[in-house]
Amino acid sequence: MPYTTPPRPFVEIRIGGFHLVVQRAPVRLFAAVSALVCSGFTAWWTAR
């Protein structure tokens, strides 16, 4: 049986004893945050 390496995580952060691993990109979170930021920027820009 051939040896296969496990998939690399999306993000891996190690600070001292703290270890955070995110396996997949949070696509829905990115989409929601970008929609909120863009609509807020548009409201601010048009209110000037």
Protein backbone atom coordinates (compact mmCIF):
# COMPACT_ATOMS: atom_id res chain seq x y z
CA MET A 1 0.00 0.00 0.00
CA PRO A 2 1.54 3.36 -0.99
CA TYR A 3 2.10 5.97 1.69
CA THR A 4 -0.10 9.03 1.23
CA THR A 5 0.48 12.28 3.08
CA PRO A 6 -2.51 13.85 4.78
CA PRO A 7 -3.91 17.00 3.18
CA ARG A 8 -2.37 20.27 4.34
CA PRO A 9 -4.57 22.45 6.53
CA PHE A 10 -5.81 25.83 5.28
CA VAL A 11 -4.26 27.64 8.28
CA GLU A 12 -2.04 26.37 11.07
CA ILE A 13 -1.01 28.75 13.86
CA ARG A 14 1.35 27.82 16.68
CA ILE A 15 2.11 30.37 19.36
CA GLY A 16 3.69 28.95 22.48
CA GLY A 17 1.33 26.27 23.77
CA PHE A 18 -1.53 27.53 21.59
CA HIS A 19 -2.17 25.49 18.44
CA LEU A 20 -4.96 26.38 15.99
CA VAL A 21 -5.67 24.38 12.84
CA VAL A 22 -8.35 25.28 10.28
CA GLN A 23 -8.87 22.43 7.82
CA ARG A 24 -11.06 24.17 5.22
CA ALA A 25 -11.48 27.82 4.27
CA PRO A 26 -14.62 29.30 5.87
CA VAL A 27 -16.08 30.40 2.52
CA ARG A 28 -19.51 31.39 3.86
CA LEU A 29 -17.90 33.50 6.58
CA PHE A 30 -15.67 35.27 4.02
CA ALA A 31 -18.69 35.92 1.80
CA ALA A 32 -20.78 37.32 4.66
CA VAL A 33 -17.97 39.56 5.93
CA SER A 34 -17.17 40.88 2.46
CA ALA A 35 -20.86 41.64 1.78
CA LEU A 36 -21.15 43.48 5.10
CA VAL A 37 -17.96 45.49 4.52
CA CYS A 38 -18.90 46.39 0.95
CA SER A 39 -22.42 47.51 1.88
CA GLY A 40 -21.06 49.53 4.80
CA PHE A 41 -18.46 51.17 2.59
CA THR A 42 -21.11 51.97 -0.04
CA ALA A 43 -23.40 53.52 2.59
CA TRP A 44 -20.53 55.60 3.95
CA TRP A 45 -19.41 56.68 0.45
CA THR A 46 -22.87 57.73 -0.73
CA ALA A 47 -23.66 59.58 2.52
CA ARG A 48 -20.69 61.92 2.15
